[in-house]
N, C-alpha and C. Protein backbone atom coordinates (compact mmCIF):
# COMPACT_ATOMS: atom_id res chain seq x y z
N MET A 1 29.54 14.45 64.35
CA MET A 1 29.52 13.00 64.37
C MET A 1 28.87 12.48 65.66
N LYS A 2 29.14 13.16 66.79
CA LYS A 2 28.55 12.71 68.05
C LYS A 2 27.03 12.85 68.02
N LEU A 3 26.53 13.93 67.39
CA LEU A 3 25.09 14.14 67.30
C LEU A 3 24.44 13.02 66.49
N PHE A 4 25.07 12.65 65.38
CA PHE A 4 24.52 11.57 64.56
C PHE A 4 24.49 10.26 65.35
N LYS A 5 25.56 9.98 66.08
CA LYS A 5 25.62 8.75 66.88
C LYS A 5 24.54 8.77 67.95
N PHE A 6 24.31 9.94 68.57
CA PHE A 6 23.27 10.08 69.58
C PHE A 6 21.89 9.81 68.97
N LEU A 7 21.63 10.42 67.80
CA LEU A 7 20.34 10.23 67.14
C LEU A 7 20.15 8.78 66.72
N THR A 8 21.23 8.17 66.21
CA THR A 8 21.15 6.77 65.80
C THR A 8 20.84 5.88 66.99
N ASN A 9 21.54 6.10 68.10
CA ASN A 9 21.28 5.30 69.30
C ASN A 9 19.86 5.49 69.79
N ARG A 10 19.35 6.72 69.73
CA ARG A 10 17.99 7.00 70.17
C ARG A 10 16.98 6.26 69.28
N LYS A 11 17.22 6.28 67.97
CA LYS A 11 16.33 5.57 67.04
C LYS A 11 16.40 4.06 67.27
N GLU A 12 17.62 3.55 67.51
CA GLU A 12 17.78 2.12 67.77
C GLU A 12 17.01 1.71 69.02
N ASN A 13 17.15 2.50 70.08
CA ASN A 13 16.45 2.18 71.33
C ASN A 13 14.94 2.23 71.14
N GLU A 14 14.48 3.24 70.40
CA GLU A 14 13.04 3.34 70.15
C GLU A 14 12.54 2.12 69.39
N LEU A 15 13.28 1.69 68.37
CA LEU A 15 12.87 0.52 67.59
C LEU A 15 12.93 -0.76 68.42
N LEU A 16 13.98 -0.90 69.22
CA LEU A 16 14.14 -2.12 70.02
C LEU A 16 13.07 -2.25 71.09
N ASN A 17 12.61 -1.13 71.63
CA ASN A 17 11.67 -1.15 72.75
C ASN A 17 10.23 -0.83 72.37
N TYR A 18 9.96 -0.63 71.09
CA TYR A 18 8.63 -0.20 70.66
C TYR A 18 7.63 -1.35 70.76
N ASP A 19 6.43 -1.07 71.27
CA ASP A 19 5.36 -2.07 71.33
C ASP A 19 4.69 -2.15 69.97
N TYR A 20 5.14 -3.07 69.15
CA TYR A 20 4.66 -3.20 67.78
C TYR A 20 3.38 -4.03 67.67
N THR A 21 2.91 -4.58 68.76
CA THR A 21 1.75 -5.48 68.70
C THR A 21 0.47 -4.78 68.26
N LYS A 22 0.41 -3.47 68.41
CA LYS A 22 -0.80 -2.73 68.03
C LYS A 22 -0.67 -2.06 66.66
N LEU A 23 0.48 -2.20 66.03
CA LEU A 23 0.68 -1.58 64.73
C LEU A 23 -0.02 -2.36 63.63
N LYS A 24 -0.52 -1.64 62.64
CA LYS A 24 -1.09 -2.27 61.46
C LYS A 24 0.00 -2.34 60.39
N MET A 25 -0.14 -3.28 59.48
CA MET A 25 0.80 -3.38 58.37
C MET A 25 0.69 -2.13 57.51
N PHE A 26 1.80 -1.69 56.98
CA PHE A 26 1.85 -0.51 56.12
C PHE A 26 1.26 -0.86 54.76
N SER A 27 0.44 0.03 54.25
CA SER A 27 -0.05 -0.16 52.89
C SER A 27 -0.07 1.19 52.17
N ILE A 28 0.19 1.13 50.90
CA ILE A 28 0.19 2.33 50.07
C ILE A 28 -1.25 2.63 49.68
N LYS A 29 -1.61 3.90 49.74
CA LYS A 29 -2.97 4.31 49.38
C LYS A 29 -2.91 5.34 48.28
N GLY A 30 -3.83 5.23 47.33
CA GLY A 30 -3.92 6.25 46.29
C GLY A 30 -4.16 5.67 44.92
N GLU A 31 -4.09 6.57 43.94
CA GLU A 31 -4.23 6.19 42.54
C GLU A 31 -2.89 6.43 41.86
N PHE A 32 -2.46 5.46 41.06
CA PHE A 32 -1.12 5.50 40.48
C PHE A 32 -1.14 5.07 39.02
N LEU A 33 -0.11 5.48 38.30
CA LEU A 33 0.16 5.02 36.95
C LEU A 33 1.38 4.11 37.05
N GLY A 34 1.30 2.91 36.49
CA GLY A 34 2.42 1.99 36.59
C GLY A 34 2.61 1.19 35.32
N LYS A 35 3.72 0.46 35.28
CA LYS A 35 4.01 -0.44 34.17
C LYS A 35 4.08 -1.86 34.72
N VAL A 36 3.35 -2.76 34.10
CA VAL A 36 3.35 -4.16 34.52
C VAL A 36 4.60 -4.84 33.97
N ILE A 37 5.40 -5.43 34.87
CA ILE A 37 6.65 -6.06 34.44
C ILE A 37 6.63 -7.59 34.55
N ASP A 38 5.60 -8.13 35.21
CA ASP A 38 5.51 -9.59 35.35
C ASP A 38 4.08 -9.96 35.72
N VAL A 39 3.58 -11.03 35.14
CA VAL A 39 2.28 -11.57 35.53
C VAL A 39 2.55 -12.90 36.22
N VAL A 40 2.18 -12.99 37.48
CA VAL A 40 2.45 -14.18 38.29
C VAL A 40 1.42 -15.26 38.01
N ASP A 41 0.16 -14.86 38.01
CA ASP A 41 -0.94 -15.78 37.70
C ASP A 41 -2.13 -14.94 37.25
N GLY A 42 -3.32 -15.50 37.26
CA GLY A 42 -4.47 -14.81 36.71
C GLY A 42 -5.02 -13.66 37.53
N ASP A 43 -4.55 -13.50 38.77
CA ASP A 43 -5.03 -12.38 39.58
C ASP A 43 -3.92 -11.62 40.30
N THR A 44 -2.67 -11.90 39.96
CA THR A 44 -1.53 -11.26 40.63
C THR A 44 -0.45 -10.90 39.61
N PHE A 45 0.10 -9.69 39.76
CA PHE A 45 1.17 -9.26 38.86
C PHE A 45 2.08 -8.28 39.59
N THR A 46 3.23 -8.00 38.98
CA THR A 46 4.20 -7.07 39.54
C THR A 46 4.19 -5.80 38.71
N VAL A 47 4.26 -4.66 39.39
CA VAL A 47 4.18 -3.36 38.73
C VAL A 47 5.29 -2.46 39.26
N ILE A 48 5.79 -1.58 38.40
CA ILE A 48 6.68 -0.51 38.86
C ILE A 48 5.91 0.80 38.71
N PHE A 49 6.15 1.71 39.67
CA PHE A 49 5.46 3.00 39.64
C PHE A 49 6.23 3.98 40.51
N LYS A 50 5.90 5.23 40.36
CA LYS A 50 6.57 6.28 41.12
C LYS A 50 5.79 6.54 42.41
N TYR A 51 6.50 6.51 43.54
CA TYR A 51 5.90 6.75 44.85
C TYR A 51 6.85 7.67 45.62
N HIS A 52 6.36 8.82 46.00
CA HIS A 52 7.19 9.84 46.66
C HIS A 52 8.48 10.12 45.88
N ASN A 53 8.32 10.34 44.59
CA ASN A 53 9.41 10.69 43.68
C ASN A 53 10.48 9.60 43.53
N GLU A 54 10.16 8.38 43.88
CA GLU A 54 11.08 7.27 43.67
C GLU A 54 10.36 6.16 42.92
N MET A 55 11.09 5.49 42.03
CA MET A 55 10.52 4.33 41.35
C MET A 55 10.54 3.16 42.33
N VAL A 56 9.39 2.50 42.47
CA VAL A 56 9.28 1.35 43.37
C VAL A 56 8.64 0.19 42.61
N LYS A 57 8.80 -0.99 43.17
CA LYS A 57 8.22 -2.20 42.59
C LYS A 57 7.36 -2.85 43.67
N ASN A 58 6.18 -3.31 43.28
CA ASN A 58 5.32 -3.99 44.24
C ASN A 58 4.44 -4.99 43.50
N ARG A 59 3.89 -5.89 44.25
CA ARG A 59 3.00 -6.89 43.69
C ARG A 59 1.55 -6.47 43.94
N ILE A 60 0.71 -6.67 42.94
CA ILE A 60 -0.71 -6.32 43.03
C ILE A 60 -1.55 -7.58 42.90
N ARG A 61 -2.52 -7.69 43.78
CA ARG A 61 -3.57 -8.72 43.67
C ARG A 61 -4.83 -7.99 43.24
N LEU A 62 -5.46 -8.45 42.17
CA LEU A 62 -6.67 -7.80 41.67
C LEU A 62 -7.79 -7.90 42.71
N LEU A 63 -8.31 -6.77 43.10
CA LEU A 63 -9.37 -6.70 44.10
C LEU A 63 -10.64 -7.36 43.58
N PHE A 64 -11.25 -8.18 44.42
CA PHE A 64 -12.51 -8.88 44.12
C PHE A 64 -12.40 -9.91 43.01
N VAL A 65 -11.19 -10.40 42.73
CA VAL A 65 -10.99 -11.37 41.65
C VAL A 65 -10.33 -12.63 42.22
N ASP A 66 -10.87 -13.77 41.87
CA ASP A 66 -10.25 -15.05 42.23
C ASP A 66 -10.12 -15.88 40.96
N ALA A 67 -8.89 -16.04 40.50
CA ALA A 67 -8.61 -16.81 39.29
C ALA A 67 -8.23 -18.24 39.68
N PRO A 68 -8.42 -19.19 38.77
CA PRO A 68 -8.02 -20.58 39.05
C PRO A 68 -6.51 -20.66 39.35
N GLU A 69 -6.17 -21.58 40.24
CA GLU A 69 -4.77 -21.74 40.65
C GLU A 69 -3.92 -22.39 39.56
N ILE A 70 -2.66 -22.01 39.53
CA ILE A 70 -1.70 -22.61 38.60
C ILE A 70 -0.94 -23.73 39.30
N ASN A 71 -0.63 -23.52 40.57
CA ASN A 71 0.13 -24.50 41.35
C ASN A 71 -0.81 -25.50 42.02
N THR A 72 -1.33 -26.41 41.22
CA THR A 72 -2.25 -27.43 41.71
C THR A 72 -2.00 -28.73 40.96
N LYS A 73 -2.36 -29.83 41.58
CA LYS A 73 -2.23 -31.13 40.91
C LYS A 73 -3.41 -31.42 40.00
N ASP A 74 -4.50 -30.68 40.20
CA ASP A 74 -5.69 -30.84 39.36
C ASP A 74 -5.40 -30.23 37.99
N LEU A 75 -5.25 -31.07 36.98
CA LEU A 75 -4.82 -30.61 35.66
C LEU A 75 -5.84 -29.70 34.98
N GLU A 76 -7.13 -29.92 35.22
CA GLU A 76 -8.14 -29.05 34.62
C GLU A 76 -8.09 -27.64 35.22
N ILE A 77 -7.97 -27.58 36.54
CA ILE A 77 -7.86 -26.26 37.19
C ILE A 77 -6.57 -25.57 36.75
N LYS A 78 -5.47 -26.34 36.67
CA LYS A 78 -4.19 -25.77 36.24
C LYS A 78 -4.30 -25.19 34.83
N LYS A 79 -4.97 -25.91 33.92
CA LYS A 79 -5.13 -25.43 32.55
C LYS A 79 -5.93 -24.12 32.54
N ARG A 80 -7.02 -24.08 33.30
CA ARG A 80 -7.82 -22.85 33.37
C ARG A 80 -7.00 -21.71 33.99
N GLY A 81 -6.17 -22.04 34.98
CA GLY A 81 -5.32 -21.03 35.59
C GLY A 81 -4.31 -20.46 34.61
N LEU A 82 -3.71 -21.33 33.81
CA LEU A 82 -2.75 -20.87 32.80
C LEU A 82 -3.44 -20.06 31.70
N ASP A 83 -4.64 -20.48 31.30
CA ASP A 83 -5.41 -19.71 30.31
C ASP A 83 -5.69 -18.30 30.83
N THR A 84 -6.04 -18.21 32.10
CA THR A 84 -6.33 -16.90 32.70
C THR A 84 -5.07 -16.05 32.78
N LYS A 85 -3.96 -16.68 33.15
CA LYS A 85 -2.69 -15.95 33.20
C LYS A 85 -2.33 -15.40 31.82
N TYR A 86 -2.46 -16.22 30.78
CA TYR A 86 -2.13 -15.78 29.42
C TYR A 86 -3.05 -14.65 28.97
N PHE A 87 -4.33 -14.75 29.32
CA PHE A 87 -5.28 -13.69 28.99
C PHE A 87 -4.86 -12.38 29.65
N LEU A 88 -4.50 -12.44 30.93
CA LEU A 88 -4.07 -11.24 31.65
C LEU A 88 -2.77 -10.70 31.07
N GLU A 89 -1.83 -11.59 30.70
CA GLU A 89 -0.58 -11.14 30.08
C GLU A 89 -0.85 -10.36 28.80
N LYS A 90 -1.76 -10.86 27.97
CA LYS A 90 -2.08 -10.16 26.72
C LYS A 90 -2.66 -8.77 27.00
N LEU A 91 -3.42 -8.67 28.07
CA LEU A 91 -4.04 -7.38 28.41
C LEU A 91 -3.05 -6.36 28.95
N ILE A 92 -2.13 -6.79 29.84
CA ILE A 92 -1.38 -5.78 30.61
C ILE A 92 0.14 -5.91 30.63
N LEU A 93 0.72 -7.04 30.27
CA LEU A 93 2.17 -7.20 30.40
C LEU A 93 2.92 -6.18 29.55
N ASN A 94 3.88 -5.50 30.17
CA ASN A 94 4.70 -4.45 29.55
C ASN A 94 3.89 -3.25 29.08
N LYS A 95 2.72 -3.06 29.68
CA LYS A 95 1.87 -1.92 29.34
C LYS A 95 1.66 -1.04 30.56
N LEU A 96 1.26 0.20 30.29
CA LEU A 96 0.92 1.12 31.37
C LEU A 96 -0.51 0.86 31.83
N ILE A 97 -0.68 0.89 33.14
CA ILE A 97 -2.01 0.73 33.74
C ILE A 97 -2.22 1.83 34.77
N LYS A 98 -3.47 2.06 35.10
CA LYS A 98 -3.81 2.91 36.25
C LYS A 98 -4.36 1.97 37.31
N PHE A 99 -4.00 2.23 38.57
CA PHE A 99 -4.57 1.40 39.63
C PHE A 99 -4.87 2.23 40.87
N ARG A 100 -5.89 1.75 41.59
CA ARG A 100 -6.35 2.40 42.81
C ARG A 100 -6.24 1.38 43.94
N THR A 101 -5.54 1.73 45.00
CA THR A 101 -5.33 0.81 46.11
C THR A 101 -5.45 1.54 47.44
N ASP A 102 -5.90 0.83 48.46
CA ASP A 102 -5.92 1.41 49.80
C ASP A 102 -5.69 0.37 50.89
N LYS A 103 -5.37 -0.86 50.49
CA LYS A 103 -5.09 -1.90 51.48
C LYS A 103 -4.27 -3.01 50.84
N GLN A 104 -3.85 -3.94 51.68
CA GLN A 104 -3.09 -5.08 51.19
C GLN A 104 -3.67 -6.36 51.77
N ASP A 105 -3.31 -7.48 51.16
CA ASP A 105 -3.79 -8.77 51.66
C ASP A 105 -2.80 -9.33 52.67
N GLY A 106 -3.09 -10.52 53.18
CA GLY A 106 -2.25 -11.15 54.19
C GLY A 106 -0.87 -11.53 53.71
N PHE A 107 -0.64 -11.49 52.41
CA PHE A 107 0.68 -11.80 51.85
C PHE A 107 1.47 -10.53 51.50
N GLY A 108 0.91 -9.36 51.85
CA GLY A 108 1.60 -8.10 51.59
C GLY A 108 1.39 -7.53 50.20
N ARG A 109 0.55 -8.16 49.41
CA ARG A 109 0.28 -7.64 48.06
C ARG A 109 -0.74 -6.51 48.15
N MET A 110 -0.55 -5.48 47.32
CA MET A 110 -1.55 -4.42 47.26
C MET A 110 -2.81 -4.97 46.61
N LEU A 111 -3.95 -4.70 47.21
CA LEU A 111 -5.24 -5.04 46.59
C LEU A 111 -5.67 -3.83 45.79
N ALA A 112 -5.94 -4.03 44.51
CA ALA A 112 -6.18 -2.86 43.65
C ALA A 112 -7.25 -3.12 42.60
N GLU A 113 -7.93 -2.04 42.27
CA GLU A 113 -8.78 -2.01 41.10
C GLU A 113 -7.90 -1.45 39.99
N VAL A 114 -7.86 -2.12 38.84
CA VAL A 114 -6.88 -1.81 37.80
C VAL A 114 -7.60 -1.45 36.49
N PHE A 115 -7.06 -0.43 35.81
CA PHE A 115 -7.66 0.06 34.57
C PHE A 115 -6.59 0.20 33.50
N PHE A 116 -7.02 0.14 32.24
CA PHE A 116 -6.11 0.46 31.14
C PHE A 116 -5.76 1.94 31.23
N ASN A 117 -4.64 2.33 30.65
CA ASN A 117 -4.22 3.73 30.64
C ASN A 117 -4.87 4.46 29.47
N ASP A 118 -6.18 4.46 29.46
CA ASP A 118 -6.93 5.18 28.44
C ASP A 118 -8.23 5.66 29.09
N ASP A 119 -9.20 5.99 28.30
CA ASP A 119 -10.45 6.53 28.85
C ASP A 119 -11.50 5.46 29.13
N SER A 120 -11.16 4.19 28.99
CA SER A 120 -12.15 3.15 29.26
C SER A 120 -12.48 3.13 30.75
N SER A 121 -13.75 2.91 31.04
CA SER A 121 -14.18 2.97 32.43
C SER A 121 -14.29 1.59 33.08
N GLU A 122 -14.26 0.52 32.27
CA GLU A 122 -14.36 -0.81 32.85
C GLU A 122 -13.00 -1.27 33.37
N SER A 123 -13.01 -1.81 34.57
CA SER A 123 -11.76 -2.27 35.16
C SER A 123 -11.33 -3.61 34.56
N ILE A 124 -10.05 -3.87 34.63
CA ILE A 124 -9.51 -5.16 34.21
C ILE A 124 -10.06 -6.25 35.13
N ASN A 125 -10.28 -5.90 36.40
CA ASN A 125 -10.88 -6.82 37.35
C ASN A 125 -12.21 -7.34 36.80
N ASN A 126 -13.07 -6.41 36.38
CA ASN A 126 -14.39 -6.79 35.85
C ASN A 126 -14.28 -7.56 34.54
N LEU A 127 -13.31 -7.20 33.71
CA LEU A 127 -13.12 -7.92 32.43
C LEU A 127 -12.84 -9.41 32.65
N LEU A 128 -12.00 -9.72 33.62
CA LEU A 128 -11.69 -11.12 33.90
C LEU A 128 -12.93 -11.88 34.35
N ILE A 129 -13.72 -11.26 35.20
CA ILE A 129 -14.94 -11.90 35.70
C ILE A 129 -15.97 -12.02 34.58
N LYS A 130 -16.19 -10.92 33.85
CA LYS A 130 -17.19 -10.89 32.78
C LYS A 130 -16.89 -11.90 31.68
N ASN A 131 -15.61 -12.12 31.38
CA ASN A 131 -15.22 -13.06 30.33
C ASN A 131 -15.06 -14.50 30.82
N GLY A 132 -15.42 -14.75 32.07
CA GLY A 132 -15.42 -16.10 32.60
C GLY A 132 -14.06 -16.64 33.02
N TYR A 133 -13.06 -15.78 33.11
CA TYR A 133 -11.73 -16.23 33.52
C TYR A 133 -11.56 -16.30 35.04
N ALA A 134 -12.42 -15.60 35.78
CA ALA A 134 -12.28 -15.54 37.23
C ALA A 134 -13.65 -15.38 37.87
N LEU A 135 -13.65 -15.56 39.18
CA LEU A 135 -14.86 -15.38 39.97
C LEU A 135 -14.73 -14.15 40.86
N TYR A 136 -15.87 -13.62 41.27
CA TYR A 136 -15.89 -12.53 42.24
C TYR A 136 -15.44 -13.08 43.58
N TYR A 137 -14.58 -12.35 44.28
CA TYR A 137 -13.99 -12.82 45.54
C TYR A 137 -13.86 -11.66 46.50
N LYS A 138 -14.24 -11.88 47.76
CA LYS A 138 -14.20 -10.77 48.71
C LYS A 138 -13.32 -11.03 49.93
N ASN A 139 -13.03 -12.26 50.29
CA ASN A 139 -12.32 -12.57 51.53
C ASN A 139 -10.81 -12.66 51.29
N TYR A 140 -10.05 -11.71 51.86
CA TYR A 140 -8.60 -11.67 51.62
C TYR A 140 -7.79 -12.02 52.86
N LYS A 141 -8.25 -12.93 53.66
CA LYS A 141 -7.46 -13.37 54.80
C LYS A 141 -6.38 -14.33 54.30
N LYS A 142 -5.24 -14.34 55.02
CA LYS A 142 -4.13 -15.22 54.62
C LYS A 142 -4.57 -16.67 54.71
N LYS A 143 -4.29 -17.44 53.66
CA LYS A 143 -4.71 -18.84 53.61
C LYS A 143 -3.82 -19.70 54.48
């Protein structure tokens, strides 16, 4: 018990005194198979997947995709945003997807290229853009 208390105190001191100003935000890297459990809007959804032998939940922002906003007073933009959300729901909600990620945005969402869980080579990201539901987007700084 004394050893555990010593180790705990050492970890606490290290955390309390650590210079965190140079640390980068943690992001998951790799290719994963997941199940979409919620679609937030036309370019963001929640997925569950296995990471280090544990089931985890995280939010994904589609890489290079900018869909119309849902939370806006502009009714035309809001309608287009809802149309895009419904289109994305039909494609992926409660379905298995494959995704590739190596960074996150300023809101902590994983930025990912997303694919159906089959042999199709076109990404869902490209489908949204190609079908006119979203625009190509590259700047992921926090708004």
